[in-house]
Protein backbone atom coordinates (compact mmCIF):
# COMPACT_ATOMS: atom_id res chain seq x y z
CA MET A 1 -17.87 45.06 -15.04
CA THR A 2 -14.48 44.50 -13.41
CA LEU A 3 -11.79 42.82 -15.48
CA SER A 4 -10.19 39.79 -13.91
CA PRO A 5 -6.36 39.80 -14.04
CA PHE A 6 -6.49 36.04 -14.63
CA LYS A 7 -8.24 36.38 -18.01
CA LEU A 8 -6.56 37.01 -21.36
CA SER A 9 -9.04 39.80 -22.09
CA PHE A 10 -7.44 41.76 -19.25
CA LEU A 11 -4.13 42.06 -21.12
CA ALA A 12 -5.89 42.46 -24.47
CA THR A 13 -7.68 45.53 -23.14
CA TYR A 14 -4.40 47.09 -22.04
CA VAL A 15 -2.83 46.33 -25.43
CA LEU A 16 -5.76 47.95 -27.25
CA VAL A 17 -5.74 51.03 -25.04
CA GLY A 18 -1.97 51.26 -25.39
CA ALA A 19 -2.25 51.14 -29.19
CA VAL A 20 -4.71 54.05 -29.14
CA VAL A 21 -2.47 55.97 -26.74
CA GLY A 22 0.48 55.36 -29.05
CA VAL A 23 -1.26 57.08 -31.97
CA LEU A 24 -3.14 59.81 -30.09
CA VAL A 25 -0.66 60.63 -27.32
CA ILE A 26 2.87 59.30 -27.92
CA HIS A 27 2.97 60.42 -31.56
CA PRO A 28 1.88 64.03 -30.86
CA LEU A 29 4.28 64.27 -27.93
CA ASN A 30 7.12 63.08 -30.14
CA LEU A 31 6.19 65.66 -32.76
CA MET A 32 6.30 68.37 -30.11
CA VAL A 33 9.86 67.35 -29.26
CA ILE A 34 10.83 67.40 -32.95
CA TRP A 35 9.30 70.88 -33.42
CA TRP A 36 11.13 72.11 -30.33
CA GLU A 37 14.44 70.98 -31.81
CA LEU A 38 13.64 72.57 -35.19
CA ALA A 39 12.59 75.81 -33.48
CA ARG A 40 16.26 76.51 -32.76
CA ALA A 41 16.39 77.73 -36.37
CA PRO A 42 13.16 79.82 -36.37
CA GLU A 43 13.61 81.18 -39.92
CA ALA A 44 13.14 77.68 -41.32
CA THR A 45 10.58 76.36 -38.85
CA PRO A 46 6.79 76.51 -39.45
CA GLY A 47 4.42 77.50 -36.66
CA PHE A 48 3.72 74.96 -33.96
CA TYR A 49 0.07 74.26 -34.83
CA GLN A 50 0.81 74.24 -38.57
CA PHE A 51 3.64 71.78 -38.07
CA LEU A 52 1.66 69.54 -35.75
CA SER A 53 -1.51 69.40 -37.84
CA ALA A 54 0.41 68.74 -41.07
CA ARG A 55 2.34 65.86 -39.56
CA LEU A 56 -0.70 64.33 -37.87
CA TRP A 57 -2.68 64.31 -41.12
CA LEU A 58 0.11 62.26 -42.71
CA LEU A 59 -0.98 59.28 -40.63
CA ILE A 60 -4.00 58.72 -42.88
CA VAL A 61 -1.94 58.91 -46.08
CA PRO A 62 -1.27 55.36 -47.34
CA ARG A 63 2.43 55.96 -47.99
CA HIS A 64 2.89 56.99 -44.36
CA LEU A 65 0.96 54.02 -43.01
CA ASP A 66 4.18 52.59 -41.62
CA VAL A 67 4.43 55.54 -39.22
CA ALA A 68 0.94 54.86 -37.88
CA VAL A 69 1.76 51.17 -37.53
CA ALA A 70 5.00 51.99 -35.70
CA TYR A 71 3.29 54.20 -33.12
CA THR A 72 0.43 51.73 -32.77
CA GLY A 73 2.94 48.96 -32.07
CA LEU A 74 4.91 51.12 -29.66
CA GLY A 75 1.76 52.00 -27.75
CA ALA A 76 0.66 48.35 -27.71
CA ILE A 77 4.01 47.31 -26.22
CA VAL A 78 3.74 50.00 -23.55
CA GLY A 79 0.16 48.93 -22.82
CA LEU A 80 1.18 45.27 -22.58
CA ALA A 81 4.01 46.08 -20.17
CA PHE A 82 1.71 48.19 -18.00
CA GLY A 83 -0.95 45.47 -18.14
CA ILE A 84 1.49 42.79 -16.98
CA PHE A 85 2.64 45.03 -14.12
CA THR A 86 -0.95 45.77 -13.12
CA ARG A 87 -1.94 42.10 -13.32
CA ASN A 88 0.98 41.03 -11.13
CA TYR A 89 0.22 43.78 -8.64
CA MET A 90 -3.44 42.78 -8.46
CA ARG A 91 -2.55 39.12 -8.03
CA THR A 92 -0.10 39.93 -5.24
CA THR A 93 -2.65 42.19 -3.54
CA GLU A 94 -5.34 39.52 -3.79
CA ALA A 95 -3.01 36.84 -2.41
CA TYR A 96 -2.00 39.12 0.46
CA ARG A 97 -5.64 39.95 1.22
CA SER A 98 -6.57 36.25 1.22
CA LEU A 99 -3.65 35.46 3.53
CA ARG A 100 -4.70 38.17 5.97
CA GLU A 101 -8.26 36.87 5.96
CA GLU A 102 -7.03 33.35 6.71
CA GLN A 103 -4.81 34.62 9.51
CA THR A 104 -7.62 36.73 10.95
CA ALA A 105 -10.01 33.77 10.92
CA PHE A 106 -7.35 31.78 12.79
CA VAL A 107 -7.42 34.10 15.84
CA PRO A 108 -10.62 32.78 17.53
CA ASP A 109 -9.33 29.21 17.22
CA LEU A 110 -6.09 30.13 18.97
CA MET A 111 -8.04 31.85 21.73
CA GLN A 112 -10.11 28.72 22.32
CA GLN A 113 -7.07 26.43 22.36
CA GLY A 114 -5.34 28.42 25.09
CA GLU A 115 -1.66 29.16 25.64
CA THR A 116 0.89 26.68 24.31
CA HIS A 117 4.58 26.68 23.42
CA ARG A 118 3.59 28.56 20.25
CA VAL A 119 0.81 30.80 21.64
CA GLU A 120 0.84 33.46 24.37
CA PHE A 121 -1.92 35.83 25.56
CA LYS A 122 -1.38 39.37 26.84
CA SER A 123 -4.18 41.55 28.20
CA SER A 124 -2.62 44.77 26.92
CA LEU A 125 0.46 46.34 25.41
CA ARG A 126 1.04 49.28 27.76
CA TRP A 127 -2.18 49.98 29.65
CA ASP A 128 -2.21 48.52 33.17
CA LEU A 129 -5.75 47.23 33.68
CA LYS A 130 -5.27 46.89 37.44
CA GLU A 131 -3.72 50.30 38.08
CA ASN A 132 -5.76 51.95 35.31
CA CYS A 133 -2.78 53.83 33.90
CA VAL A 134 0.05 53.53 31.38
CA ASN A 135 2.73 51.08 32.49
CA ARG A 136 5.81 50.99 30.27
CA ASN A 137 7.02 47.84 31.98
CA LEU A 138 4.27 45.98 30.16
CA GLU A 139 6.05 46.80 26.89
CA LYS A 140 9.14 45.08 28.27
CA VAL A 141 7.04 42.02 29.07
CA VAL A 142 5.82 41.94 25.48
CA ALA A 143 9.41 42.33 24.20
CA LYS A 144 10.51 39.46 26.47
CA THR A 145 7.81 37.21 25.05
CA LEU A 146 8.74 38.12 21.48
CA ALA A 147 12.40 37.42 22.26
CA GLY A 148 11.43 33.99 23.55
CA PHE A 149 9.56 33.23 20.32
CA TYR A 150 12.42 34.59 18.18
CA ASN A 151 14.92 32.33 19.89
CA ALA A 152 12.66 29.26 19.70
CA GLU A 153 10.49 28.12 16.80
CA GLY A 154 8.47 31.30 16.42
CA GLY A 155 4.90 31.67 17.60
CA HIS A 156 1.82 33.83 18.01
CA LEU A 157 1.40 36.57 20.59
CA LEU A 158 -2.22 37.69 21.04
CA ILE A 159 -2.74 41.08 22.67
CA GLY A 160 -6.11 42.14 24.03
CA VAL A 161 -6.87 38.67 25.39
CA ASP A 162 -6.94 37.58 29.04
CA ASP A 163 -5.34 34.39 30.40
CA ASP A 164 -8.56 32.44 29.85
CA GLY A 165 -8.77 33.35 26.17
CA ARG A 166 -11.51 35.95 26.53
CA PRO A 167 -11.25 39.08 24.33
CA LEU A 168 -10.60 42.32 26.20
CA GLY A 169 -9.97 44.54 23.20
CA LEU A 170 -7.33 47.13 22.39
CA ASP A 171 -9.25 50.33 23.16
CA PRO A 172 -7.31 51.17 26.37
CA ASP A 173 -3.99 50.76 24.52
CA LEU A 174 -5.18 52.68 21.47
CA ALA A 175 -6.21 55.61 23.66
CA THR A 176 -2.58 56.01 24.76
CA LEU A 177 -1.29 56.46 21.20
CA LYS A 178 -0.94 59.76 19.33
CA SER A 179 -3.11 58.31 16.59
CA PRO A 180 -5.61 55.94 18.22
CA ASP A 181 -5.83 53.47 15.35
CA LEU A 182 -4.62 49.98 14.51
CA ASP A 183 -1.87 51.18 12.17
CA SER A 184 -0.32 53.15 15.04
CA PHE A 185 -0.61 50.08 17.25
CA GLU A 186 1.33 48.02 14.71
CA ARG A 187 4.00 50.72 14.41
CA THR A 188 4.30 50.77 18.20
CA ILE A 189 4.96 47.03 18.19
CA ASN A 190 7.76 47.52 15.65
CA ASP A 191 9.19 50.40 17.69
CA ILE A 192 9.30 48.21 20.81
CA VAL A 193 11.11 45.46 18.91
CA SER A 194 13.58 47.95 17.42
CA ARG A 195 14.42 49.49 20.78
CA ALA A 196 14.52 46.36 22.91
CA LEU A 197 15.70 43.64 20.53
CA GLY A 198 17.03 45.18 17.32
CA GLY A 199 15.54 46.76 14.23
CA ASP A 200 16.81 43.95 12.02
CA LEU A 201 14.20 41.66 13.61
CA CYS A 202 11.15 43.65 12.52
CA PRO A 203 10.86 41.81 9.17
CA TYR A 204 10.48 38.58 11.14
CA LEU A 205 7.16 39.56 12.70
CA HIS A 206 3.80 40.39 11.20
CA THR A 207 0.78 41.88 12.94
CA VAL A 208 -2.84 41.21 11.98
CA PHE A 209 -6.05 42.28 13.69
CA ALA A 210 -9.28 40.38 14.21
CA ARG A 211 -12.67 41.45 15.48
CA VAL A 212 -13.79 39.00 18.18
CA GLU A 213 -17.06 39.61 20.04
CA ASP A 214 -17.00 43.25 18.87
CA LYS A 215 -13.50 43.76 20.28
CA ASP A 216 -10.23 44.22 18.41
CA VAL A 217 -7.54 41.63 19.06
CA ALA A 218 -3.97 41.85 17.75
CA MET A 219 -2.07 38.75 16.69
CA ILE A 220 1.69 39.13 16.28
CA ILE A 221 3.06 36.32 14.14
CA VAL A 222 6.73 35.75 15.00
CA SER A 223 9.13 33.82 12.79
CA PRO A 224 12.32 32.23 14.17
CA ALA A 225 15.17 34.76 14.23
CA PRO A 226 18.30 34.25 12.12
CA ARG A 227 20.47 35.13 15.12
CA ALA A 228 20.47 34.92 18.88
CA VAL A 229 18.19 37.61 20.33
CA TYR A 230 19.19 39.29 23.56
CA MET A 231 17.24 41.84 25.58
CA GLU A 232 18.95 44.57 27.55
CA GLU A 233 17.95 44.58 31.23
CA ASN A 234 19.78 46.57 33.90
CA LYS A 235 22.80 47.02 31.60
CA ALA A 236 22.99 43.27 30.99
CA SER A 237 22.11 41.20 27.92
CA VAL A 238 19.48 38.63 28.82
CA PHE A 239 18.53 35.60 26.74
CA TYR A 240 14.90 34.44 26.78
CA LEU A 241 13.52 31.23 25.31
CA ARG A 242 9.98 29.96 24.88
CA SER A 243 9.64 26.76 26.87
CA GLY A 244 6.28 25.06 27.25
CA ASN A 245 3.61 27.72 27.67
CA SER A 246 5.94 30.24 29.33
CA THR A 247 9.04 32.28 28.51
CA ARG A 248 12.14 31.28 30.47
CA ARG A 249 15.31 33.24 31.16
CA LEU A 250 18.48 31.25 30.48
CA ASP A 251 21.69 31.78 32.40
CA VAL A 252 24.93 32.50 30.53
CA ARG A 253 26.02 28.88 30.16
CA GLU A 254 22.56 27.74 29.03
CA ALA A 255 22.29 30.62 26.55
CA VAL A 256 25.72 29.93 25.03
CA ASN A 257 25.06 26.20 24.69
CA TYR A 258 21.66 26.76 23.17
CA ALA A 259 22.92 29.43 20.76
CA ASN A 260 25.78 27.22 19.60
CA THR A 261 23.30 24.44 18.86
CA ARG A 262 20.55 26.61 17.41
CA TRP A 263 22.61 28.86 15.08
CA SER A 264 25.74 26.80 14.44
């Protein structure tokens, strides 16, 4: 039976185990350290096993009960601390798993609703479906879309979906990666953002994957950026902004005015 981190018995079990560890593990280890220090004067030091067994037997002598209680308490405190850490970790993991499930379940709804000022579809990340080859310019298109979301109110970029909201899958893109798996796909997204927009923006996006009609679809959740995001194109810094259901390039005056209003 699995212990629930939300029940008191969860911590009680860790306290009990810690108390046992305190007597059976921490105490002997401490005695080993004491013997090691005494062994510096070998003429007055008993043998290791003789010393250890004699001291351990003292735990059952009533006048040394305080020693047993001390190590039991020490172990219980260690067990409680480890139990609290484990409980918090399990709670965080469960909350994160639930959040990912909610986000994943949200993908088909976004596909049905179509593109909006907060949602964009891309057929692929780097694989040109028309030319049937790798096209690095597609990565720049993705970066441009992400920049538009960063500079606006954030949004959702779905990759592996055509313009009509039908799932195409990620298999062609995955085949171009050194490790053809979803983790590598997510790392590639972060690498594109780092190169094109700035590594400091990676914490402001989160990638989840959903299985739709037996095809993998990636959803990149973009939060508004804390600064103006520019993309380098032909040795020039270009400002993109999500407007309606498209990403628009602003000229210098528009970009400066918008940035002064948005991040002032």
